């Protein structure tokens, strides 16, 4: 679903403001944003096609991505972000999915040196994040200070954060490429059918889960997709 961090962040903010207000009770949302689409990073084995994922032990960042990798035959492992360096170094996991900027900050790209990209407009996945403050604290501020916050909040702040994410991603990729220590693997759009089939299965499961929880799963998915397309066109 995601394209750039910038466009997807704008879509995430509008989506959250429209559909997730109940989740913001007690907090004042400043910006909802998303990172640049994540890639697959592996140690000792290169992921050059969907079949290469089968049998690998992978750490994914969300329930949806766990389902996606499981659909491809991987053994998925859930673990907190800070545990990734030790796990990949000791061979507990074969790889993980993260954007380059996060993996670089975590210091694991010297161990997991095979990096799989997905060519085309849409990337593999992203994660929505929220920058917020306590609602009571916001309410206690003077109108002048509230204006300072409001002037640096909203969809324009989501766009700014997403743009920074994109810049950090590009810089991290350039650093790895310049070091000569990383193998950059690009999967062309024409070779993504198996990946997309696994993604479609994951999407349908999410829609079914949302329907079971009393939401319009298809409607929510369609709205998110349309918002990503809208802001991708707007920011090109």
Protein backbone atom coordinates (compact mmCIF):
# COMPACT_ATOMS: atom_id res chain seq x y z
CA UNK A 1 0.00 0.00 0.00
CA UNK A 2 2.63 2.66 0.90
CA UNK A 3 4.51 4.80 -1.60
CA UNK A 4 6.84 7.47 -0.21
CA UNK A 5 7.06 8.30 3.47
CA UNK A 6 5.83 11.80 2.68
CA UNK A 7 2.69 10.82 0.77
CA UNK A 8 1.87 7.89 3.02
CA UNK A 9 2.24 10.06 6.13
CA UNK A 10 -0.27 12.54 4.77
CA UNK A 11 -2.65 9.68 3.98
CA UNK A 12 -2.13 8.19 7.44
CA UNK A 13 -2.93 11.50 9.12
CA UNK A 14 -6.15 12.08 7.21
CA UNK A 15 -7.16 8.44 7.69
CA UNK A 16 -6.58 8.62 11.45
CA UNK A 17 -8.42 11.91 11.82
CA UNK A 18 -11.37 10.41 9.94
CA UNK A 19 -11.55 6.89 11.32
CA UNK A 20 -9.61 6.72 14.59
CA UNK A 21 -10.89 9.55 16.77
CA UNK A 22 -12.03 7.11 19.45
CA UNK A 23 -8.40 6.05 19.87
CA UNK A 24 -7.34 9.60 20.72
CA UNK A 25 -9.40 10.03 23.87
CA UNK A 26 -7.24 11.80 26.43
CA UNK A 27 -4.53 12.82 23.99
CA UNK A 28 -4.13 15.67 21.53
CA UNK A 29 -2.83 14.28 18.18
CA UNK A 30 -0.17 16.52 16.66
CA UNK A 31 0.63 14.32 13.66
CA UNK A 32 0.10 10.77 12.46
CA UNK A 33 2.86 9.64 10.13
CA UNK A 34 4.51 6.63 8.51
CA UNK A 35 8.06 5.62 7.70
CA UNK A 36 9.41 5.03 4.21
CA UNK A 37 8.45 1.53 3.01
CA UNK A 38 10.47 -1.17 4.72
CA UNK A 39 12.76 -3.64 2.98
CA UNK A 40 13.85 -7.19 3.82
CA UNK A 41 17.32 -7.55 5.35
CA UNK A 42 18.86 -11.01 5.76
CA UNK A 43 22.06 -12.63 7.00
CA UNK A 44 23.69 -15.49 5.12
CA UNK A 45 20.93 -15.91 2.55
CA UNK A 46 19.69 -13.58 -0.16
CA UNK A 47 15.97 -13.13 -0.81
CA UNK A 48 15.76 -12.84 -4.59
CA UNK A 49 12.24 -14.20 -5.05
CA UNK A 50 9.22 -15.23 -2.98
CA UNK A 51 10.34 -18.87 -2.79
CA UNK A 52 13.51 -17.80 -0.96
CA UNK A 53 11.41 -16.74 2.03
CA UNK A 54 10.15 -20.28 2.65
CA UNK A 55 11.72 -21.75 5.77
CA UNK A 56 13.44 -18.55 6.89
CA UNK A 57 12.98 -17.28 10.43
CA UNK A 58 12.00 -13.64 10.14
CA UNK A 59 11.11 -10.88 12.56
CA UNK A 60 8.29 -8.66 11.34
CA UNK A 61 6.98 -5.45 12.93
CA UNK A 62 3.24 -6.15 13.00
CA UNK A 63 0.51 -8.77 13.02
CA UNK A 64 -0.22 -8.08 9.35
CA UNK A 65 3.41 -8.53 8.30
CA UNK A 66 3.69 -11.67 10.41
CA UNK A 67 0.73 -13.02 8.46
CA UNK A 68 2.25 -11.94 5.15
CA UNK A 69 5.56 -13.74 5.76
CA UNK A 70 3.75 -16.79 7.11
CA UNK A 71 1.74 -16.91 3.88
CA UNK A 72 5.07 -17.17 2.05
CA UNK A 73 6.20 -20.06 4.24
CA UNK A 74 8.44 -18.24 6.71
CA UNK A 75 8.70 -18.94 10.42
CA UNK A 76 7.72 -15.63 11.98
CA UNK A 77 9.10 -14.45 15.31
CA UNK A 78 7.76 -11.60 17.36
CA UNK A 79 10.31 -9.64 19.36
CA UNK A 80 10.83 -6.06 20.53
CA UNK A 81 12.81 -3.77 18.25
CA UNK A 82 15.88 -3.57 20.57
CA UNK A 83 16.31 -7.36 20.54
CA UNK A 84 16.94 -7.53 16.78
CA UNK A 85 20.75 -6.95 16.89
CA UNK A 86 21.44 -9.85 19.24
CA UNK A 87 18.93 -12.11 17.48
CA UNK A 88 20.40 -11.59 14.02
CA UNK A 89 23.99 -11.79 15.29
CA UNK A 90 23.39 -15.09 17.12
CA UNK A 91 21.36 -16.63 14.29
CA UNK A 92 18.09 -16.71 16.20
CA UNK A 93 16.55 -15.05 13.14
CA UNK A 94 17.64 -15.11 9.51
CA UNK A 95 16.36 -11.64 8.80
CA UNK A 96 13.88 -8.89 9.46
CA UNK A 97 11.89 -6.18 7.71
CA UNK A 98 12.69 -2.54 8.45
CA UNK A 99 13.35 0.67 6.54
CA UNK A 100 17.05 1.34 6.02
CA UNK A 101 17.05 4.38 8.30
CA UNK A 102 15.80 2.30 11.25
CA UNK A 103 18.10 -0.64 10.53
CA UNK A 104 21.06 1.71 10.21
CA UNK A 105 20.25 3.43 13.51
CA UNK A 106 19.95 -0.01 15.12
CA UNK A 107 23.43 -0.92 13.88
CA UNK A 108 22.50 -4.21 12.19
CA UNK A 109 23.33 -3.56 8.54
CA UNK A 110 26.90 -4.80 9.01
CA UNK A 111 25.46 -8.19 9.98
CA UNK A 112 22.40 -8.45 7.74
CA UNK A 113 24.05 -7.52 4.45
CA UNK A 114 21.48 -8.73 1.92
CA UNK A 115 18.83 -6.11 1.21
CA UNK A 116 15.71 -6.80 -0.84
CA UNK A 117 13.86 -3.92 -2.51
CA UNK A 118 10.53 -3.99 -4.34
CA UNK A 119 10.54 -1.93 -7.52
CA UNK A 120 7.49 0.07 -8.57
CA UNK A 121 5.30 2.72 -7.04
CA UNK A 122 4.26 0.77 -3.96
CA UNK A 123 6.58 -0.59 -1.30
CA UNK A 124 6.34 -3.67 0.90
CA UNK A 125 4.83 -2.16 4.05
CA UNK A 126 4.94 0.72 6.49
CA UNK A 127 3.88 1.44 10.06
CA UNK A 128 1.67 4.26 11.33
CA UNK A 129 3.01 6.25 14.28
CA UNK A 130 1.46 9.00 16.37
CA UNK A 131 3.01 12.16 17.79
CA UNK A 132 0.64 13.36 20.51
CA UNK A 133 0.49 15.17 23.82
CA UNK A 134 -1.69 14.92 26.90
CA UNK A 135 -5.06 16.57 26.20
CA UNK A 136 -5.34 18.09 29.69
CA UNK A 137 -1.85 19.58 29.37
CA UNK A 138 -2.74 21.05 25.98
CA UNK A 139 -5.98 22.48 27.40
CA UNK A 140 -4.05 24.11 30.26
CA UNK A 141 -1.83 26.10 27.90
CA UNK A 142 -2.49 29.70 26.98
CA UNK A 143 -4.11 30.35 23.59
CA UNK A 144 -0.76 31.73 22.40
CA UNK A 145 1.07 28.50 23.24
CA UNK A 146 -1.71 26.37 21.79
CA UNK A 147 -1.31 28.32 18.55
CA UNK A 148 2.41 27.52 18.49
CA UNK A 149 1.58 23.82 18.72
CA UNK A 150 -1.26 24.03 16.21
CA UNK A 151 0.94 25.89 13.74
CA UNK A 152 3.30 22.89 13.84
CA UNK A 153 0.65 20.18 13.80
CA UNK A 154 -1.76 18.56 11.40
CA UNK A 155 -1.26 17.18 7.95
CA UNK A 156 1.52 19.63 7.12
CA UNK A 157 3.52 18.29 10.07
CA UNK A 158 2.80 14.71 8.98
CA UNK A 159 4.11 15.64 5.53
CA UNK A 160 7.26 17.21 7.00
CA UNK A 161 8.02 14.15 9.14
CA UNK A 162 7.42 11.80 6.21
CA UNK A 163 9.74 13.87 4.04
CA UNK A 164 12.46 13.68 6.70
CA UNK A 165 11.94 9.90 6.79
CA UNK A 166 12.45 9.73 3.02
CA UNK A 167 15.64 11.78 3.21
CA UNK A 168 17.02 9.62 6.02
CA UNK A 169 16.18 6.46 4.07
CA UNK A 170 17.97 7.71 0.96
CA UNK A 171 21.05 8.70 2.97
CA UNK A 172 21.23 5.31 4.71
CA UNK A 173 20.93 3.44 1.40
CA UNK A 174 23.70 5.57 -0.13
CA UNK A 175 25.97 4.90 2.84
CA UNK A 176 25.53 1.14 2.55
CA UNK A 177 25.98 1.21 -1.22
CA UNK A 178 29.16 3.30 -0.87
CA UNK A 179 30.60 0.91 1.72
CA UNK A 180 30.46 -1.97 -0.76
CA UNK A 181 29.43 -4.30 2.06
CA UNK A 182 25.77 -4.69 1.17
CA UNK A 183 24.09 -6.65 -1.62
CA UNK A 184 21.20 -4.67 -3.07
CA UNK A 185 18.56 -6.97 -4.58
CA UNK A 186 15.72 -5.46 -6.61
CA UNK A 187 12.58 -7.43 -7.38
CA UNK A 188 11.02 -6.07 -10.56
CA UNK A 189 7.27 -5.48 -10.70
CA UNK A 190 6.94 -8.23 -13.30
CA UNK A 191 8.30 -10.72 -10.75
CA UNK A 192 6.10 -9.76 -7.82
CA UNK A 193 3.05 -11.96 -8.50
CA UNK A 194 3.71 -14.41 -5.65
CA UNK A 195 4.42 -11.53 -3.28
CA UNK A 196 1.19 -9.82 -4.27
CA UNK A 197 -0.80 -13.04 -3.85
CA UNK A 198 0.50 -13.37 -0.29
CA UNK A 199 -0.31 -9.70 0.30
CA UNK A 200 -3.85 -10.13 -1.05
CA UNK A 201 -4.38 -13.04 1.34
CA UNK A 202 -3.16 -10.87 4.22
CA UNK A 203 -5.42 -8.00 3.17
CA UNK A 204 -8.47 -10.23 2.99
CA UNK A 205 -7.71 -11.58 6.47
CA UNK A 206 -7.47 -8.02 7.81
CA UNK A 207 -10.77 -7.08 6.18
CA UNK A 208 -12.39 -10.18 7.67
CA UNK A 209 -10.99 -9.35 11.13
CA UNK A 210 -12.32 -5.79 10.89
CA UNK A 211 -15.75 -7.01 9.80
CA UNK A 212 -15.83 -9.39 12.76
CA UNK A 213 -15.01 -6.47 15.06
CA UNK A 214 -17.99 -4.51 13.76
CA UNK A 215 -16.24 -2.28 11.22
CA UNK A 216 -16.55 -1.96 7.45
CA UNK A 217 -13.28 -3.66 6.62
CA UNK A 218 -13.47 -3.23 2.86
CA UNK A 219 -14.49 0.40 3.21
CA UNK A 220 -11.58 1.14 5.55
CA UNK A 221 -9.11 -0.57 3.24
CA UNK A 222 -10.44 1.21 0.16
CA UNK A 223 -10.29 4.60 1.90
CA UNK A 224 -6.68 4.04 2.97
CA UNK A 225 -5.69 3.01 -0.56
CA UNK A 226 -7.42 6.01 -2.11
CA UNK A 227 -5.76 8.41 0.33
CA UNK A 228 -2.31 7.03 -0.46
CA UNK A 229 -2.97 7.45 -4.18
CA UNK A 230 -4.34 10.96 -3.63
CA UNK A 231 -1.31 12.24 -1.74
CA UNK A 232 1.18 10.39 -3.94
CA UNK A 233 -0.17 12.27 -6.95
CA UNK A 234 -0.20 15.51 -4.99
CA UNK A 235 3.44 15.26 -3.90
CA UNK A 236 4.99 13.96 -7.14
